[in-house]
């Protein structure tokens, strides 16, 4: 899921929007982002909501 998130972030910097149409991919990405929200906040140079105990991988 990190790969999909990273591609989405790179496209955002270029001003492009990516749309995922596969429901299982969308669900999996939402679950992954929920689990990794603290780490993703740190990657975006924002303060994490709670303690960060995991990595992006």
PDB file of N, CA and C in Angstrom:
ATOM      1  N   UNK A   1       0.807  -1.186   0.000  1.00  0.00           N
ATOM      2  CA  UNK A   1       0.000   0.000   0.000  1.00  0.00           C
ATOM      3  C   UNK A   1       0.861   1.266   0.000  1.00  0.00           C
ATOM      4  N   UNK A   2       2.067   1.145   0.546  1.00  0.00           N
ATOM      5  CA  UNK A   2       2.954   2.310   0.568  1.00  0.00           C
ATOM      6  C   UNK A   2       3.210   2.808  -0.850  1.00  0.00           C
ATOM      7  N   UNK A   3       3.363   1.898  -1.783  1.00  0.00           N
ATOM      8  CA  UNK A   3       3.630   2.290  -3.167  1.00  0.00           C
ATOM      9  C   UNK A   3       2.484   3.127  -3.736  1.00  0.00           C
ATOM     10  N   UNK A   4       1.244   2.702  -3.497  1.00  0.00           N
ATOM     11  CA  UNK A   4       0.095   3.457  -3.988  1.00  0.00           C
ATOM     12  C   UNK A   4       0.023   4.832  -3.330  1.00  0.00           C
ATOM     13  N   UNK A   5       0.290   4.886  -2.010  1.00  0.00           N
ATOM     14  CA  UNK A   5       0.273   6.165  -1.308  1.00  0.00           C
ATOM     15  C   UNK A   5       1.357   7.087  -1.859  1.00  0.00           C
ATOM     16  N   UNK A   6       2.541   6.525  -2.099  1.00  0.00           N
ATOM     17  CA  UNK A   6       3.659   7.335  -2.587  1.00  0.00           C
ATOM     18  C   UNK A   6       3.381   7.892  -3.984  1.00  0.00           C
ATOM     19  N   UNK A   7       2.811   7.086  -4.858  1.00  0.00           N
ATOM     20  CA  UNK A   7       2.443   7.542  -6.206  1.00  0.00           C
ATOM     21  C   UNK A   7       1.412   8.659  -6.108  1.00  0.00           C
ATOM     22  N   UNK A   8       0.440   8.489  -5.221  1.00  0.00           N
ATOM     23  CA  UNK A   8      -0.581   9.511  -5.042  1.00  0.00           C
ATOM     24  C   UNK A   8       0.043  10.817  -4.553  1.00  0.00           C
ATOM     25  N   UNK A   9       0.996  10.757  -3.632  1.00  0.00           N
ATOM     26  CA  UNK A   9       1.652  11.955  -3.131  1.00  0.00           C
ATOM     27  C   UNK A   9       2.478  12.639  -4.227  1.00  0.00           C
ATOM     28  N   UNK A  10       3.166  11.848  -5.023  1.00  0.00           N
ATOM     29  CA  UNK A  10       3.954  12.425  -6.117  1.00  0.00           C
ATOM     30  C   UNK A  10       3.061  13.112  -7.145  1.00  0.00           C
ATOM     31  N   UNK A  11       1.939  12.502  -7.470  1.00  0.00           N
ATOM     32  CA  UNK A  11       1.012  13.118  -8.420  1.00  0.00           C
ATOM     33  C   UNK A  11       0.385  14.381  -7.843  1.00  0.00           C
ATOM     34  N   UNK A  12       0.144  14.391  -6.518  1.00  0.00           N
ATOM     35  CA  UNK A  12      -0.404  15.600  -5.887  1.00  0.00           C
ATOM     36  C   UNK A  12       0.552  16.779  -6.036  1.00  0.00           C
ATOM     37  N   UNK A  13       1.845  16.516  -5.921  1.00  0.00           N
ATOM     38  CA  UNK A  13       2.813  17.606  -6.065  1.00  0.00           C
ATOM     39  C   UNK A  13       2.846  18.144  -7.499  1.00  0.00           C
ATOM     40  N   UNK A  14       2.486  17.309  -8.455  1.00  0.00           N
ATOM     41  CA  UNK A  14       2.436  17.732  -9.859  1.00  0.00           C
ATOM     42  C   UNK A  14       1.089  18.354 -10.237  1.00  0.00           C
ATOM     43  N   UNK A  15       0.157  18.353  -9.278  1.00  0.00           N
ATOM     44  CA  UNK A  15      -1.164  18.908  -9.546  1.00  0.00           C
ATOM     45  C   UNK A  15      -2.108  17.938 -10.230  1.00  0.00           C
ATOM     46  N   UNK A  16      -1.767  16.682 -10.231  1.00  0.00           N
ATOM     47  CA  UNK A  16      -2.603  15.653 -10.852  1.00  0.00           C
ATOM     48  C   UNK A  16      -3.396  14.920  -9.778  1.00  0.00           C
ATOM     49  N   UNK A  17      -4.476  14.288 -10.185  1.00  0.00           N
ATOM     50  CA  UNK A  17      -5.319  13.536  -9.260  1.00  0.00           C
ATOM     51  C   UNK A  17      -5.422  12.104  -9.769  1.00  0.00           C
ATOM     52  N   UNK A  18      -5.232  11.156  -8.867  1.00  0.00           N
ATOM     53  CA  UNK A  18      -5.385   9.746  -9.230  1.00  0.00           C
ATOM     54  C   UNK A  18      -6.678   9.235  -8.603  1.00  0.00           C
ATOM     55  N   UNK A  19      -7.412   8.442  -9.358  1.00  0.00           N
ATOM     56  CA  UNK A  19      -8.654   7.868  -8.863  1.00  0.00           C
ATOM     57  C   UNK A  19      -8.550   6.352  -8.948  1.00  0.00           C
ATOM     58  N   UNK A  20      -8.770   5.715  -7.811  1.00  0.00           N
ATOM     59  CA  UNK A  20      -8.802   4.267  -7.769  1.00  0.00           C
ATOM     60  C   UNK A  20     -10.251   3.818  -7.910  1.00  0.00           C
ATOM     61  N   UNK A  21     -10.492   2.867  -8.807  1.00  0.00           N
ATOM     62  CA  UNK A  21     -11.852   2.402  -9.059  1.00  0.00           C
ATOM     63  C   UNK A  21     -12.128   1.024  -8.472  1.00  0.00           C
ATOM     64  N   UNK A  22     -11.103   0.296  -8.127  1.00  0.00           N
ATOM     65  CA  UNK A  22     -11.276  -1.040  -7.574  1.00  0.00           C
ATOM     66  C   UNK A  22     -11.679  -0.929  -6.103  1.00  0.00           C
ATOM     67  N   UNK A  23     -12.880  -1.401  -5.731  1.00  0.00           N
ATOM     68  CA  UNK A  23     -13.351  -1.261  -4.350  1.00  0.00           C
ATOM     69  C   UNK A  23     -12.437  -1.929  -3.316  1.00  0.00           C
ATOM     70  N   UNK A  24     -11.864  -3.061  -3.650  1.00  0.00           N
ATOM     71  CA  UNK A  24     -10.996  -3.735  -2.682  1.00  0.00           C
ATOM     72  C   UNK A  24      -9.699  -2.954  -2.468  1.00  0.00           C
ATOM     73  N   UNK A  25      -9.181  -2.336  -3.514  1.00  0.00           N
ATOM     74  CA  UNK A  25      -7.988  -1.508  -3.382  1.00  0.00           C
ATOM     75  C   UNK A  25      -8.282  -0.263  -2.547  1.00  0.00           C
ATOM     76  N   UNK A  26      -9.419   0.366  -2.781  1.00  0.00           N
ATOM     77  CA  UNK A  26      -9.810   1.538  -2.009  1.00  0.00           C
ATOM     78  C   UNK A  26      -9.951   1.178  -0.539  1.00  0.00           C
ATOM     79  N   UNK A  27     -10.606   0.067  -0.247  1.00  0.00           N
ATOM     80  CA  UNK A  27     -10.795  -0.367   1.137  1.00  0.00           C
ATOM     81  C   UNK A  27      -9.464  -0.671   1.796  1.00  0.00           C
ATOM     82  N   UNK A  28      -8.605  -1.379   1.103  1.00  0.00           N
ATOM     83  CA  UNK A  28      -7.292  -1.728   1.655  1.00  0.00           C
ATOM     84  C   UNK A  28      -6.451  -0.491   1.907  1.00  0.00           C
ATOM     85  N   UNK A  29      -6.502   0.467   0.996  1.00  0.00           N
ATOM     86  CA  UNK A  29      -5.740   1.700   1.164  1.00  0.00           C
ATOM     87  C   UNK A  29      -6.254   2.504   2.359  1.00  0.00           C
ATOM     88  N   UNK A  30      -7.571   2.565   2.526  1.00  0.00           N
ATOM     89  CA  UNK A  30      -8.141   3.280   3.680  1.00  0.00           C
ATOM     90  C   UNK A  30      -7.743   2.622   4.995  1.00  0.00           C
ATOM     91  N   UNK A  31      -7.754   1.310   5.048  1.00  0.00           N
ATOM     92  CA  UNK A  31      -7.351   0.600   6.264  1.00  0.00           C
ATOM     93  C   UNK A  31      -5.880   0.848   6.542  1.00  0.00           C
ATOM     94  N   UNK A  32      -5.047   0.779   5.508  1.00  0.00           N
ATOM     95  CA  UNK A  32      -3.611   0.990   5.675  1.00  0.00           C
ATOM     96  C   UNK A  32      -3.323   2.406   6.156  1.00  0.00           C
ATOM     97  N   UNK A  33      -3.993   3.394   5.562  1.00  0.00           N
ATOM     98  CA  UNK A  33      -3.788   4.790   5.974  1.00  0.00           C
ATOM     99  C   UNK A  33      -4.244   4.979   7.417  1.00  0.00           C
ATOM    100  N   UNK A  34      -5.325   4.335   7.804  1.00  0.00           N
ATOM    101  CA  UNK A  34      -5.788   4.424   9.189  1.00  0.00           C
ATOM    102  C   UNK A  34      -4.774   3.873  10.168  1.00  0.00           C
ATOM    103  N   UNK A  35      -4.164   2.755   9.818  1.00  0.00           N
ATOM    104  CA  UNK A  35      -3.164   2.142  10.689  1.00  0.00           C
ATOM    105  C   UNK A  35      -1.872   2.952  10.732  1.00  0.00           C
ATOM    106  N   UNK A  36      -1.524   3.587   9.647  1.00  0.00           N
ATOM    107  CA  UNK A  36      -0.245   4.290   9.522  1.00  0.00           C
ATOM    108  C   UNK A  36      -0.389   5.805   9.639  1.00  0.00           C
ATOM    109  N   UNK A  37      -1.480   6.292  10.182  1.00  0.00           N
ATOM    110  CA  UNK A  37      -1.731   7.733  10.194  1.00  0.00           C
ATOM    111  C   UNK A  37      -0.645   8.520  10.927  1.00  0.00           C
ATOM    112  N   UNK A  38      -0.134   7.990  12.022  1.00  0.00           N
ATOM    113  CA  UNK A  38       0.924   8.688  12.747  1.00  0.00           C
ATOM    114  C   UNK A  38       2.198   8.791  11.946  1.00  0.00           C
ATOM    115  N   UNK A  39       2.575   7.714  11.284  1.00  0.00           N
ATOM    116  CA  UNK A  39       3.790   7.699  10.479  1.00  0.00           C
ATOM    117  C   UNK A  39       3.625   8.585   9.250  1.00  0.00           C
ATOM    118  N   UNK A  40       2.443   8.562   8.652  1.00  0.00           N
ATOM    119  CA  UNK A  40       2.195   9.403   7.482  1.00  0.00           C
ATOM    120  C   UNK A  40       2.223  10.880   7.860  1.00  0.00           C
ATOM    121  N   UNK A  41       1.732  11.210   9.050  1.00  0.00           N
ATOM    122  CA  UNK A  41       1.798  12.597   9.506  1.00  0.00           C
ATOM    123  C   UNK A  41       3.248  13.029   9.674  1.00  0.00           C
ATOM    124  N   UNK A  42       4.090  12.149  10.173  1.00  0.00           N
ATOM    125  CA  UNK A  42       5.507  12.476  10.308  1.00  0.00           C
ATOM    126  C   UNK A  42       6.156  12.614   8.934  1.00  0.00           C
ATOM    127  N   UNK A  43       5.767  11.782   7.983  1.00  0.00           N
ATOM    128  CA  UNK A  43       6.327  11.847   6.633  1.00  0.00           C
ATOM    129  C   UNK A  43       5.933  13.147   5.937  1.00  0.00           C
ATOM    130  N   UNK A  44       4.774  13.688   6.303  1.00  0.00           N
ATOM    131  CA  UNK A  44       4.300  14.945   5.722  1.00  0.00           C
ATOM    132  C   UNK A  44       4.750  16.142   6.553  1.00  0.00           C
ATOM    133  N   UNK A  45       5.665  15.938   7.496  1.00  0.00           N
ATOM    134  CA  UNK A  45       6.178  16.988   8.380  1.00  0.00           C
ATOM    135  C   UNK A  45       5.089  17.601   9.245  1.00  0.00           C
ATOM    136  N   UNK A  46       4.170  16.767   9.689  1.00  0.00           N
ATOM    137  CA  UNK A  46       3.139  17.196  10.635  1.00  0.00           C
ATOM    138  C   UNK A  46       3.341  16.429  11.927  1.00  0.00           C
ATOM    139  N   UNK A  47       2.783  16.919  12.974  1.00  0.00           N
ATOM    140  CA  UNK A  47       2.917  16.247  14.259  1.00  0.00           C
ATOM    141  C   UNK A  47       1.996  15.037  14.313  1.00  0.00           C
ATOM    142  N   UNK A  48       2.478  13.902  14.807  1.00  0.00           N
ATOM    143  CA  UNK A  48       1.620  12.712  14.918  1.00  0.00           C
ATOM    144  C   UNK A  48       0.560  12.905  15.998  1.00  0.00           C
ATOM    145  N   UNK A  49      -0.569  12.230  15.789  1.00  0.00           N
ATOM    146  CA  UNK A  49      -1.679  12.319  16.727  1.00  0.00           C
ATOM    147  C   UNK A  49      -1.348  11.574  18.013  1.00  0.00           C
ATOM    148  N   UNK A  50      -0.747  10.435  17.899  1.00  0.00           N
ATOM    149  CA  UNK A  50      -0.422   9.623  19.059  1.00  0.00           C
ATOM    150  C   UNK A  50       0.999   9.097  18.951  1.00  0.00           C
ATOM    151  N   UNK A  51       1.344   8.170  19.825  1.00  0.00           N
ATOM    152  CA  UNK A  51       2.692   7.598  19.756  1.00  0.00           C
ATOM    153  C   UNK A  51       2.890   6.812  18.463  1.00  0.00           C
ATOM    154  N   UNK A  52       4.038   6.946  17.902  1.00  0.00           N
ATOM    155  CA  UNK A  52       4.346   6.302  16.627  1.00  0.00           C
ATOM    156  C   UNK A  52       5.180   5.054  16.899  1.00  0.00           C
ATOM    157  N   UNK A  53       4.587   3.905  16.657  1.00  0.00           N
ATOM    158  CA  UNK A  53       5.273   2.649  16.935  1.00  0.00           C
ATOM    159  C   UNK A  53       5.508   1.816  15.684  1.00  0.00           C
ATOM    160  N   UNK A  54       5.145   2.313  14.524  1.00  0.00           N
ATOM    161  CA  UNK A  54       5.267   1.505  13.323  1.00  0.00           C
ATOM    162  C   UNK A  54       6.038   2.274  12.255  1.00  0.00           C
ATOM    163  N   UNK A  55       6.359   1.554  11.193  1.00  0.00           N
ATOM    164  CA  UNK A  55       7.045   2.163  10.066  1.00  0.00           C
ATOM    165  C   UNK A  55       6.116   2.135   8.858  1.00  0.00           C
ATOM    166  N   UNK A  56       6.530   2.759   7.784  1.00  0.00           N
ATOM    167  CA  UNK A  56       5.708   2.788   6.584  1.00  0.00           C
ATOM    168  C   UNK A  56       5.631   1.434   5.904  1.00  0.00           C
ATOM    169  N   UNK A  57       6.574   0.575   6.116  1.00  0.00           N
ATOM    170  CA  UNK A  57       6.583  -0.718   5.434  1.00  0.00           C
ATOM    171  C   UNK A  57       5.635  -1.671   6.035  1.00  0.00           C
TER     172      UNK A  57
END
